[in-house]
PDB file of N, CA and C in Angstrom:
ATOM      1  N   MET A   1       0.836  -1.178   0.000  1.00  0.00           N
ATOM      2  CA  MET A   1       0.000   0.000   0.000  1.00  0.00           C
ATOM      3  C   MET A   1       0.882   1.243   0.000  1.00  0.00           C
ATOM      4  N   GLN A   2       0.471   2.234  -0.749  1.00  0.00           N
ATOM      5  CA  GLN A   2       1.205   3.483  -0.822  1.00  0.00           C
ATOM      6  C   GLN A   2       0.480   4.543  -0.027  1.00  0.00           C
ATOM      7  N   ASP A   3       1.213   5.621   0.314  1.00  0.00           N
ATOM      8  CA  ASP A   3       0.545   6.691   1.042  1.00  0.00           C
ATOM      9  C   ASP A   3      -0.360   7.481   0.102  1.00  0.00           C
ATOM     10  N   HIS A   4      -1.138   8.437   0.672  1.00  0.00           N
ATOM     11  CA  HIS A   4      -2.124   9.157  -0.116  1.00  0.00           C
ATOM     12  C   HIS A   4      -1.496  10.054  -1.167  1.00  0.00           C
ATOM     13  N   GLU A   5      -0.191  10.278  -1.113  1.00  0.00           N
ATOM     14  CA  GLU A   5       0.466  11.084  -2.129  1.00  0.00           C
ATOM     15  C   GLU A   5       0.930  10.225  -3.296  1.00  0.00           C
ATOM     16  N   GLY A   6       0.874   8.895  -3.154  1.00  0.00           N
ATOM     17  CA  GLY A   6       1.274   7.991  -4.223  1.00  0.00           C
ATOM     18  C   GLY A   6       0.149   7.793  -5.220  1.00  0.00           C
ATOM     19  N   SER A   7       0.216   6.688  -5.942  1.00  0.00           N
ATOM     20  CA  SER A   7      -0.774   6.451  -6.990  1.00  0.00           C
ATOM     21  C   SER A   7      -2.096   5.910  -6.450  1.00  0.00           C
ATOM     22  N   LEU A   8      -2.109   5.346  -5.248  1.00  0.00           N
ATOM     23  CA  LEU A   8      -3.349   4.812  -4.690  1.00  0.00           C
ATOM     24  C   LEU A   8      -4.117   5.916  -3.977  1.00  0.00           C
ATOM     25  N   ARG A   9      -5.440   5.931  -4.138  1.00  0.00           N
ATOM     26  CA  ARG A   9      -6.286   6.945  -3.506  1.00  0.00           C
ATOM     27  C   ARG A   9      -6.563   6.643  -2.048  1.00  0.00           C
ATOM     28  N   VAL A  10      -6.570   5.382  -1.679  1.00  0.00           N
ATOM     29  CA  VAL A  10      -6.968   4.961  -0.337  1.00  0.00           C
ATOM     30  C   VAL A  10      -5.734   4.536   0.448  1.00  0.00           C
ATOM     31  N   CYS A  11      -5.631   4.981   1.701  1.00  0.00           N
ATOM     32  CA  CYS A  11      -4.529   4.528   2.548  1.00  0.00           C
ATOM     33  C   CYS A  11      -5.049   4.274   3.958  1.00  0.00           C
ATOM     34  N   PHE A  12      -4.271   3.539   4.741  1.00  0.00           N
ATOM     35  CA  PHE A  12      -4.646   3.164   6.091  1.00  0.00           C
ATOM     36  C   PHE A  12      -3.476   3.499   7.017  1.00  0.00           C
ATOM     37  N   PRO A  13      -3.418   4.749   7.539  1.00  0.00           N
ATOM     38  CA  PRO A  13      -2.274   5.194   8.330  1.00  0.00           C
ATOM     39  C   PRO A  13      -2.076   4.410   9.625  1.00  0.00           C
ATOM     40  N   GLY A  14      -0.796   4.251   9.967  1.00  0.00           N
ATOM     41  CA  GLY A  14      -0.427   3.734  11.270  1.00  0.00           C
ATOM     42  C   GLY A  14      -0.286   2.237  11.389  1.00  0.00           C
ATOM     43  N   PRO A  15       0.523   1.787  12.318  1.00  0.00           N
ATOM     44  CA  PRO A  15       0.535   0.366  12.693  1.00  0.00           C
ATOM     45  C   PRO A  15      -0.328   0.172  13.936  1.00  0.00           C
ATOM     46  N   PHE A  16      -1.609   0.337  13.799  1.00  0.00           N
ATOM     47  CA  PHE A  16      -2.529   0.254  14.922  1.00  0.00           C
ATOM     48  C   PHE A  16      -3.460  -0.932  14.707  1.00  0.00           C
ATOM     49  N   SER A  17      -4.139  -1.361  15.774  1.00  0.00           N
ATOM     50  CA  SER A  17      -5.110  -2.444  15.610  1.00  0.00           C
ATOM     51  C   SER A  17      -6.330  -1.950  14.840  1.00  0.00           C
ATOM     52  N   GLN A  18      -6.560  -0.645  14.881  1.00  0.00           N
ATOM     53  CA  GLN A  18      -7.675  -0.040  14.154  1.00  0.00           C
ATOM     54  C   GLN A  18      -7.112   1.170  13.402  1.00  0.00           C
ATOM     55  N   HIS A  19      -7.375   1.238  12.118  1.00  0.00           N
ATOM     56  CA  HIS A  19      -6.818   2.294  11.282  1.00  0.00           C
ATOM     57  C   HIS A  19      -7.916   3.243  10.808  1.00  0.00           C
ATOM     58  N   ASP A  20      -7.578   4.525  10.730  1.00  0.00           N
ATOM     59  CA  ASP A  20      -8.463   5.461  10.031  1.00  0.00           C
ATOM     60  C   ASP A  20      -8.465   5.093   8.565  1.00  0.00           C
ATOM     61  N   VAL A  21      -9.551   5.386   7.883  1.00  0.00           N
ATOM     62  CA  VAL A  21      -9.636   5.183   6.442  1.00  0.00           C
ATOM     63  C   VAL A  21      -9.567   6.560   5.799  1.00  0.00           C
ATOM     64  N   VAL A  22      -8.641   6.734   4.864  1.00  0.00           N
ATOM     65  CA  VAL A  22      -8.375   8.024   4.255  1.00  0.00           C
ATOM     66  C   VAL A  22      -8.503   7.897   2.742  1.00  0.00           C
ATOM     67  N   VAL A  23      -9.278   8.798   2.134  1.00  0.00           N
ATOM     68  CA  VAL A  23      -9.418   8.849   0.675  1.00  0.00           C
ATOM     69  C   VAL A  23      -8.965  10.223   0.225  1.00  0.00           C
ATOM     70  N   ASP A  24      -7.988  10.270  -0.671  1.00  0.00           N
ATOM     71  CA  ASP A  24      -7.443  11.518  -1.201  1.00  0.00           C
ATOM     72  C   ASP A  24      -7.020  12.479  -0.093  1.00  0.00           C
ATOM     73  N   GLY A  25      -6.471  11.934   1.008  1.00  0.00           N
ATOM     74  CA  GLY A  25      -5.989  12.777   2.088  1.00  0.00           C
ATOM     75  C   GLY A  25      -7.041  13.199   3.098  1.00  0.00           C
ATOM     76  N   TRP A  26      -8.276  12.749   2.939  1.00  0.00           N
ATOM     77  CA  TRP A  26      -9.374  13.116   3.847  1.00  0.00           C
ATOM     78  C   TRP A  26      -9.881  11.869   4.563  1.00  0.00           C
ATOM     79  N   ARG A  27      -9.983  11.940   5.903  1.00  0.00           N
ATOM     80  CA  ARG A  27     -10.494  10.808   6.679  1.00  0.00           C
ATOM     81  C   ARG A  27     -11.973  10.603   6.406  1.00  0.00           C
ATOM     82  N   VAL A  28     -12.357   9.353   6.267  1.00  0.00           N
ATOM     83  CA  VAL A  28     -13.760   9.004   6.041  1.00  0.00           C
ATOM     84  C   VAL A  28     -14.424   8.805   7.402  1.00  0.00           C
ATOM     85  N   PRO A  29     -15.487   9.570   7.709  1.00  0.00           N
ATOM     86  CA  PRO A  29     -16.141   9.404   9.012  1.00  0.00           C
ATOM     87  C   PRO A  29     -16.910   8.085   9.087  1.00  0.00           C
ATOM     88  N   LEU A  30     -17.057   7.578  10.296  1.00  0.00           N
ATOM     89  CA  LEU A  30     -17.855   6.380  10.591  1.00  0.00           C
ATOM     90  C   LEU A  30     -17.275   5.098  10.002  1.00  0.00           C
ATOM     91  N   VAL A  31     -16.016   5.127   9.563  1.00  0.00           N
ATOM     92  CA  VAL A  31     -15.391   3.938   8.971  1.00  0.00           C
ATOM     93  C   VAL A  31     -13.991   3.782   9.557  1.00  0.00           C
ATOM     94  N   HIS A  32     -13.639   2.564   9.911  1.00  0.00           N
ATOM     95  CA  HIS A  32     -12.251   2.257  10.240  1.00  0.00           C
ATOM     96  C   HIS A  32     -11.893   0.916   9.622  1.00  0.00           C
ATOM     97  N   ALA A  33     -10.615   0.605   9.634  1.00  0.00           N
ATOM     98  CA  ALA A  33     -10.155  -0.624   8.985  1.00  0.00           C
ATOM     99  C   ALA A  33      -9.202  -1.369   9.901  1.00  0.00           C
ATOM    100  N   GLN A  34      -9.146  -2.674   9.687  1.00  0.00           N
ATOM    101  CA  GLN A  34      -8.155  -3.530  10.321  1.00  0.00           C
ATOM    102  C   GLN A  34      -7.384  -4.184   9.189  1.00  0.00           C
ATOM    103  N   VAL A  35      -6.077  -4.011   9.194  1.00  0.00           N
ATOM    104  CA  VAL A  35      -5.235  -4.535   8.123  1.00  0.00           C
ATOM    105  C   VAL A  35      -4.654  -5.861   8.576  1.00  0.00           C
ATOM    106  N   HIS A  36      -4.836  -6.894   7.749  1.00  0.00           N
ATOM    107  CA  HIS A  36      -4.331  -8.238   8.033  1.00  0.00           C
ATOM    108  C   HIS A  36      -3.392  -8.626   6.906  1.00  0.00           C
ATOM    109  N   GLY A  37      -2.098  -8.611   7.165  1.00  0.00           N
ATOM    110  CA  GLY A  37      -1.143  -8.989   6.132  1.00  0.00           C
ATOM    111  C   GLY A  37      -1.001  -7.925   5.067  1.00  0.00           C
ATOM    112  N   GLU A  38      -0.472  -8.332   3.916  1.00  0.00           N
ATOM    113  CA  GLU A  38      -0.182  -7.399   2.828  1.00  0.00           C
ATOM    114  C   GLU A  38      -1.403  -7.032   2.009  1.00  0.00           C
ATOM    115  N   ASP A  39      -2.374  -7.946   1.894  1.00  0.00           N
ATOM    116  CA  ASP A  39      -3.470  -7.704   0.949  1.00  0.00           C
ATOM    117  C   ASP A  39      -4.853  -7.981   1.529  1.00  0.00           C
ATOM    118  N   GLU A  40      -5.009  -8.036   2.839  1.00  0.00           N
ATOM    119  CA  GLU A  40      -6.313  -8.290   3.447  1.00  0.00           C
ATOM    120  C   GLU A  40      -6.703  -7.131   4.356  1.00  0.00           C
ATOM    121  N   ILE A  41      -7.920  -6.616   4.150  1.00  0.00           N
ATOM    122  CA  ILE A  41      -8.415  -5.490   4.929  1.00  0.00           C
ATOM    123  C   ILE A  41      -9.828  -5.805   5.395  1.00  0.00           C
ATOM    124  N   THR A  42     -10.104  -5.560   6.658  1.00  0.00           N
ATOM    125  CA  THR A  42     -11.469  -5.623   7.151  1.00  0.00           C
ATOM    126  C   THR A  42     -11.937  -4.188   7.315  1.00  0.00           C
ATOM    127  N   LEU A  43     -12.942  -3.816   6.549  1.00  0.00           N
ATOM    128  CA  LEU A  43     -13.525  -2.481   6.606  1.00  0.00           C
ATOM    129  C   LEU A  43     -14.711  -2.547   7.559  1.00  0.00           C
ATOM    130  N   VAL A  44     -14.728  -1.705   8.583  1.00  0.00           N
ATOM    131  CA  VAL A  44     -15.795  -1.723   9.587  1.00  0.00           C
ATOM    132  C   VAL A  44     -16.584  -0.423   9.468  1.00  0.00           C
ATOM    133  N   LEU A  45     -17.874  -0.558   9.177  1.00  0.00           N
ATOM    134  CA  LEU A  45     -18.755   0.588   8.984  1.00  0.00           C
ATOM    135  C   LEU A  45     -19.588   0.813  10.237  1.00  0.00           C
ATOM    136  N   ASP A  46     -19.475   2.012  10.801  1.00  0.00           N
ATOM    137  CA  ASP A  46     -20.284   2.424  11.951  1.00  0.00           C
ATOM    138  C   ASP A  46     -20.171   1.451  13.127  1.00  0.00           C
ATOM    139  N   ASN A  47     -19.019   0.840  13.280  1.00  0.00           N
ATOM    140  CA  ASN A  47     -18.766  -0.138  14.352  1.00  0.00           C
ATOM    141  C   ASN A  47     -19.786  -1.268  14.379  1.00  0.00           C
ATOM    142  N   ARG A  48     -20.461  -1.515  13.244  1.00  0.00           N
ATOM    143  CA  ARG A  48     -21.495  -2.552  13.208  1.00  0.00           C
ATOM    144  C   ARG A  48     -21.315  -3.551  12.087  1.00  0.00           C
ATOM    145  N   LEU A  49     -20.884  -3.105  10.924  1.00  0.00           N
ATOM    146  CA  LEU A  49     -20.803  -3.977   9.767  1.00  0.00           C
ATOM    147  C   LEU A  49     -19.357  -4.138   9.330  1.00  0.00           C
ATOM    148  N   GLY A  50     -18.949  -5.367   9.087  1.00  0.00           N
ATOM    149  CA  GLY A  50     -17.589  -5.637   8.632  1.00  0.00           C
ATOM    150  C   GLY A  50     -17.593  -6.209   7.231  1.00  0.00           C
ATOM    151  N   LEU A  51     -16.573  -5.847   6.453  1.00  0.00           N
ATOM    152  CA  LEU A  51     -16.462  -6.307   5.076  1.00  0.00           C
ATOM    153  C   LEU A  51     -15.007  -6.661   4.810  1.00  0.00           C
ATOM    154  N   GLU A  52     -14.766  -7.917   4.410  1.00  0.00           N
ATOM    155  CA  GLU A  52     -13.413  -8.368   4.091  1.00  0.00           C
ATOM    156  C   GLU A  52     -13.095  -7.988   2.650  1.00  0.00           C
ATOM    157  N   LEU A  53     -11.990  -7.266   2.453  1.00  0.00           N
ATOM    158  CA  LEU A  53     -11.604  -6.795   1.122  1.00  0.00           C
ATOM    159  C   LEU A  53     -10.130  -7.035   0.870  1.00  0.00           C
ATOM    160  N   THR A  54      -9.764  -7.151  -0.406  1.00  0.00           N
ATOM    161  CA  THR A  54      -8.357  -7.087  -0.786  1.00  0.00           C
ATOM    162  C   THR A  54      -8.022  -5.616  -1.007  1.00  0.00           C
ATOM    163  N   THR A  55      -6.752  -5.309  -1.165  1.00  0.00           N
ATOM    164  CA  THR A  55      -6.353  -3.919  -1.376  1.00  0.00           C
ATOM    165  C   THR A  55      -6.950  -3.361  -2.658  1.00  0.00           C
ATOM    166  N   SER A  56      -6.965  -4.147  -3.723  1.00  0.00           N
ATOM    167  CA  SER A  56      -7.531  -3.664  -4.991  1.00  0.00           C
ATOM    168  C   SER A  56      -9.040  -3.468  -4.885  1.00  0.00           C
ATOM    169  N   GLU A  57      -9.726  -4.326  -4.138  1.00  0.00           N
ATOM    170  CA  GLU A  57     -11.163  -4.138  -3.930  1.00  0.00           C
ATOM    171  C   GLU A  57     -11.424  -2.866  -3.121  1.00  0.00           C
ATOM    172  N   ALA A  58     -10.595  -2.612  -2.113  1.00  0.00           N
ATOM    173  CA  ALA A  58     -10.749  -1.406  -1.298  1.00  0.00           C
ATOM    174  C   ALA A  58     -10.554  -0.150  -2.144  1.00  0.00           C
ATOM    175  N   GLU A  59      -9.645  -0.189  -3.105  1.00  0.00           N
ATOM    176  CA  GLU A  59      -9.417   0.954  -4.004  1.00  0.00           C
ATOM    177  C   GLU A  59     -10.682   1.317  -4.775  1.00  0.00           C
ATOM    178  N   ARG A  60     -11.492   0.336  -5.110  1.00  0.00           N
ATOM    179  CA  ARG A  60     -12.737   0.590  -5.854  1.00  0.00           C
ATOM    180  C   ARG A  60     -13.899   0.904  -4.930  1.00  0.00           C
ATOM    181  N   VAL A  61     -14.010   0.214  -3.796  1.00  0.00           N
ATOM    182  CA  VAL A  61     -15.186   0.300  -2.936  1.00  0.00           C
ATOM    183  C   VAL A  61     -15.140   1.499  -1.981  1.00  0.00           C
ATOM    184  N   VAL A  62     -14.002   1.763  -1.371  1.00  0.00           N
ATOM    185  CA  VAL A  62     -13.922   2.777  -0.319  1.00  0.00           C
ATOM    186  C   VAL A  62     -14.272   4.185  -0.819  1.00  0.00           C
ATOM    187  N   PRO A  63     -13.815   4.639  -1.994  1.00  0.00           N
ATOM    188  CA  PRO A  63     -14.250   5.970  -2.452  1.00  0.00           C
ATOM    189  C   PRO A  63     -15.766   6.071  -2.625  1.00  0.00           C
ATOM    190  N   PHE A  64     -16.401   5.000  -3.071  1.00  0.00           N
ATOM    191  CA  PHE A  64     -17.860   4.980  -3.199  1.00  0.00           C
ATOM    192  C   PHE A  64     -18.513   5.076  -1.822  1.00  0.00           C
ATOM    193  N   VAL A  65     -17.999   4.319  -0.853  1.00  0.00           N
ATOM    194  CA  VAL A  65     -18.536   4.358   0.512  1.00  0.00           C
ATOM    195  C   VAL A  65     -18.356   5.757   1.105  1.00  0.00           C
ATOM    196  N   ALA A  66     -17.198   6.376   0.862  1.00  0.00           N
ATOM    197  CA  ALA A  66     -16.942   7.733   1.373  1.00  0.00           C
ATOM    198  C   ALA A  66     -17.949   8.724   0.794  1.00  0.00           C
ATOM    199  N   ASP A  67     -18.220   8.630  -0.513  1.00  0.00           N
ATOM    200  CA  ASP A  67     -19.222   9.508  -1.130  1.00  0.00           C
ATOM    201  C   ASP A  67     -20.610   9.234  -0.568  1.00  0.00           C
ATOM    202  N   ALA A  68     -20.957   7.966  -0.373  1.00  0.00           N
ATOM    203  CA  ALA A  68     -22.278   7.615   0.158  1.00  0.00           C
ATOM    204  C   ALA A  68     -22.468   8.171   1.569  1.00  0.00           C
ATOM    205  N   ILE A  69     -21.443   8.083   2.398  1.00  0.00           N
ATOM    206  CA  ILE A  69     -21.535   8.627   3.758  1.00  0.00           C
ATOM    207  C   ILE A  69     -21.675  10.139   3.711  1.00  0.00           C
ATOM    208  N   ALA A  70     -20.904  10.789   2.850  1.00  0.00           N
ATOM    209  CA  ALA A  70     -20.988  12.252   2.731  1.00  0.00           C
ATOM    210  C   ALA A  70     -22.384  12.681   2.296  1.00  0.00           C
ATOM    211  N   VAL A  71     -22.959  11.985   1.325  1.00  0.00           N
ATOM    212  CA  VAL A  71     -24.311  12.317   0.863  1.00  0.00           C
ATOM    213  C   VAL A  71     -25.319  12.083   1.976  1.00  0.00           C
ATOM    214  N   ALA A  72     -25.165  10.998   2.726  1.00  0.00           N
ATOM    215  CA  ALA A  72     -26.075  10.733   3.843  1.00  0.00           C
ATOM    216  C   ALA A  72     -25.977  11.820   4.915  1.00  0.00           C
ATOM    217  N   LEU A  73     -24.818  12.449   5.028  1.00  0.00           N
ATOM    218  CA  LEU A  73     -24.632  13.527   5.987  1.00  0.00           C
ATOM    219  C   LEU A  73     -25.064  14.881   5.429  1.00  0.00           C
ATOM    220  N   GLY A  74     -25.515  14.912   4.158  1.00  0.00           N
ATOM    221  CA  GLY A  74     -26.039  16.141   3.570  1.00  0.00           C
ATOM    222  C   GLY A  74     -25.091  16.891   2.664  1.00  0.00           C
ATOM    223  N   TYR A  75     -23.957  16.301   2.322  1.00  0.00           N
ATOM    224  CA  TYR A  75     -22.998  16.961   1.448  1.00  0.00           C
ATOM    225  C   TYR A  75     -23.083  16.396   0.036  1.00  0.00           C
ATOM    226  N   THR A  76     -22.474  17.084  -0.915  1.00  0.00           N
ATOM    227  CA  THR A  76     -22.533  16.627  -2.304  1.00  0.00           C
ATOM    228  C   THR A  76     -21.654  15.422  -2.558  1.00  0.00           C
ATOM    229  N   ALA A  77     -20.514  15.324  -1.871  1.00  0.00           N
ATOM    230  CA  ALA A  77     -19.595  14.202  -2.036  1.00  0.00           C
ATOM    231  C   ALA A  77     -18.506  14.307  -0.978  1.00  0.00           C
ATOM    232  N   HIS A  78     -17.722  13.251  -0.851  1.00  0.00           N
ATOM    233  CA  HIS A  78     -16.542  13.283   0.011  1.00  0.00           C
ATOM    234  C   HIS A  78     -15.555  14.273  -0.612  1.00  0.00           C
ATOM    235  N   PRO A  79     -14.811  15.043   0.194  1.00  0.00           N
ATOM    236  CA  PRO A  79     -13.877  16.014  -0.395  1.00  0.00           C
ATOM    237  C   PRO A  79     -12.869  15.346  -1.319  1.00  0.00           C
ATOM    238  N   SER A  80     -12.505  16.027  -2.372  1.00  0.00           N
ATOM    239  CA  SER A  80     -11.486  15.510  -3.286  1.00  0.00           C
ATOM    240  C   SER A  80     -10.119  15.966  -2.804  1.00  0.00           C
ATOM    241  N   GLY A  81      -9.083  15.471  -3.411  1.00  0.00           N
ATOM    242  CA  GLY A  81      -7.730  15.779  -2.983  1.00  0.00           C
ATOM    243  C   GLY A  81      -7.194  17.089  -3.502  1.00  0.00           C
ATOM    244  N   ASP A  82      -8.017  17.958  -4.064  1.00  0.00           N
ATOM    245  CA  ASP A  82      -7.526  19.187  -4.688  1.00  0.00           C
ATOM    246  C   ASP A  82      -7.441  20.364  -3.723  1.00  0.00           C
ATOM    247  N   GLY A  83      -7.410  20.102  -2.431  1.00  0.00           N
ATOM    248  CA  GLY A  83      -7.280  21.169  -1.452  1.00  0.00           C
ATOM    249  C   GLY A  83      -8.602  21.757  -1.005  1.00  0.00           C
ATOM    250  N   GLU A  84      -9.679  21.224  -1.504  1.00  0.00           N
ATOM    251  CA  GLU A  84     -11.003  21.708  -1.112  1.00  0.00           C
ATOM    252  C   GLU A  84     -11.234  21.354   0.351  1.00  0.00           C
ATOM    253  N   THR A  85     -11.617  22.344   1.159  1.00  0.00           N
ATOM    254  CA  THR A  85     -11.776  22.087   2.584  1.00  0.00           C
ATOM    255  C   THR A  85     -13.189  21.669   2.962  1.00  0.00           C
ATOM    256  N   SER A  86     -14.189  22.118   2.232  1.00  0.00           N
ATOM    257  CA  SER A  86     -15.553  21.707   2.544  1.00  0.00           C
ATOM    258  C   SER A  86     -16.443  21.936   1.336  1.00  0.00           C
ATOM    259  N   ARG A  87     -17.533  21.239   1.315  1.00  0.00           N
ATOM    260  CA  ARG A  87     -18.532  21.417   0.268  1.00  0.00           C
ATOM    261  C   ARG A  87     -19.839  21.777   0.943  1.00  0.00           C
ATOM    262  N   SER A  88     -20.592  22.628   0.309  1.00  0.00           N
ATOM    263  CA  SER A  88     -21.853  23.057   0.899  1.00  0.00           C
ATOM    264  C   SER A  88     -22.850  21.920   0.911  1.00  0.00           C
ATOM    265  N   PRO A  89     -23.606  21.797   1.983  1.00  0.00           N
ATOM    266  CA  PRO A  89     -24.648  20.770   1.999  1.00  0.00           C
ATOM    267  C   PRO A  89     -25.777  21.145   1.050  1.00  0.00           C
ATOM    268  N   HIS A  90     -26.534  20.133   0.661  1.00  0.00           N
ATOM    269  CA  HIS A  90     -27.712  20.373  -0.171  1.00  0.00           C
ATOM    270  C   HIS A  90     -28.701  21.244   0.588  1.00  0.00           C
ATOM    271  N   PRO A  91     -29.533  21.968  -0.138  1.00  0.00           N
ATOM    272  CA  PRO A  91     -30.601  22.698   0.563  1.00  0.00           C
ATOM    273  C   PRO A  91     -31.489  21.706   1.307  1.00  0.00           C
ATOM    274  N   ARG A  92     -32.009  22.137   2.431  1.00  0.00           N
ATOM    275  CA  ARG A  92     -32.845  21.220   3.201  1.00  0.00           C
ATOM    276  C   ARG A  92     -34.157  20.976   2.474  1.00  0.00           C
ATOM    277  N   PRO A  93     -34.783  19.824   2.690  1.00  0.00           N
ATOM    278  CA  PRO A  93     -36.059  19.536   2.038  1.00  0.00           C
ATOM    279  C   PRO A  93     -37.125  20.541   2.442  1.00  0.00           C
ATOM    280  N   LYS A  94     -38.020  20.826   1.536  1.00  0.00           N
ATOM    281  CA  LYS A  94     -39.114  21.757   1.827  1.00  0.00           C
ATOM    282  C   LYS A  94     -40.436  21.033   1.656  1.00  0.00           C
ATOM    283  N   ARG A  95     -41.326  21.225   2.595  1.00  0.00           N
ATOM    284  CA  ARG A  95     -42.642  20.604   2.556  1.00  0.00           C
ATOM    285  C   ARG A  95     -43.469  21.275   1.476  1.00  0.00           C
ATOM    286  N   VAL A  96     -44.201  20.473   0.709  1.00  0.00           N
ATOM    287  CA  VAL A  96     -45.099  20.987  -0.321  1.00  0.00           C
ATOM    288  C   VAL A  96     -46.509  20.970   0.236  1.00  0.00           C
ATOM    289  N   HIS A  97     -47.184  22.072   0.136  1.00  0.00           N
ATOM    290  CA  HIS A  97     -48.556  22.188   0.643  1.00  0.00           C
ATOM    291  C   HIS A  97     -49.532  22.044  -0.517  1.00  0.00           C
ATOM    292  N   ALA A  98     -50.684  21.487  -0.208  1.00  0.00           N
ATOM    293  CA  ALA A  98     -51.701  21.262  -1.236  1.00  0.00           C
ATOM    294  C   ALA A  98     -52.239  22.595  -1.729  1.00  0.00           C
ATOM    295  N   ILE A  99     -52.543  22.619  -3.008  1.00  0.00           N
ATOM    296  CA  ILE A  99     -53.173  23.789  -3.622  1.00  0.00           C
ATOM    297  C   ILE A  99     -54.691  23.567  -3.572  1.00  0.00           C
ATOM    298  N   ALA A 100     -55.448  24.611  -3.385  1.00  0.00           N
ATOM    299  CA  ALA A 100     -56.922  24.507  -3.296  1.00  0.00           C
ATOM    300  C   ALA A 100     -57.448  23.718  -4.475  1.00  0.00           C
ATOM    301  N   GLY A 101     -58.235  22.701  -4.185  1.00  0.00           N
ATOM    302  CA  GLY A 101     -58.847  21.880  -5.228  1.00  0.00           C
ATOM    303  C   GLY A 101     -57.980  20.697  -5.649  1.00  0.00           C
ATOM    304  N   TRP A 102     -56.746  20.607  -5.141  1.00  0.00           N
ATOM    305  CA  TRP A 102     -55.854  19.496  -5.491  1.00  0.00           C
ATOM    306  C   TRP A 102     -55.873  18.486  -4.367  1.00  0.00           C
ATOM    307  N   ASP A 103     -56.149  17.223  -4.680  1.00  0.00           N
ATOM    308  CA  ASP A 103     -56.218  16.172  -3.673  1.00  0.00           C
ATOM    309  C   ASP A 103     -54.902  15.399  -3.712  1.00  0.00           C
ATOM    310  N   SER A 104     -54.102  15.473  -2.642  1.00  0.00           N
ATOM    311  CA  SER A 104     -52.804  14.810  -2.617  1.00  0.00           C
ATOM    312  C   SER A 104     -52.934  13.297  -2.529  1.00  0.00           C
ATOM    313  N   ALA A 105     -54.097  12.776  -2.118  1.00  0.00           N
ATOM    314  CA  ALA A 105     -54.301  11.335  -2.020  1.00  0.00           C
ATOM    315  C   ALA A 105     -54.629  10.705  -3.372  1.00  0.00           C
ATOM    316  N   ALA A 106     -54.954  11.520  -4.366  1.00  0.00           N
ATOM    317  CA  ALA A 106     -55.354  10.980  -5.680  1.00  0.00           C
ATOM    318  C   ALA A 106     -54.172  10.480  -6.456  1.00  0.00           C
TER     319      ALA A 106
END
C-alpha cells in the first residue's frame, strides 16, 4: 500500500489495531479498517458492519462508501484531494402544501 500522495487513492495510516480510512488525504467518518497482512483489509462501517476486502477491492469500494456517507450527511460528495476544505450541503427539504382543489391522495 502506498501513502495518499502515491498512486493509490486509499490509505490506512499507522501500525494500529484499528486504522483510520483516508481517501485523497481526507479521513472518512464512521469507517475504520483492520489490516491483516499485505493484501487483506477488514472495513468496519459504523462499528457494526464488517467487510473483508483485498487492497484492490478497497481501491474501488472505499471511495464509493466515502461519497455515500458524505451524501447521507447532507454533502454533495466526500472532499477531493484538490485542497477543497468543505462542500456546501444540499438545501434542506421543503414541505409541499396542497393547492386549493388538489387532492394529494389521488
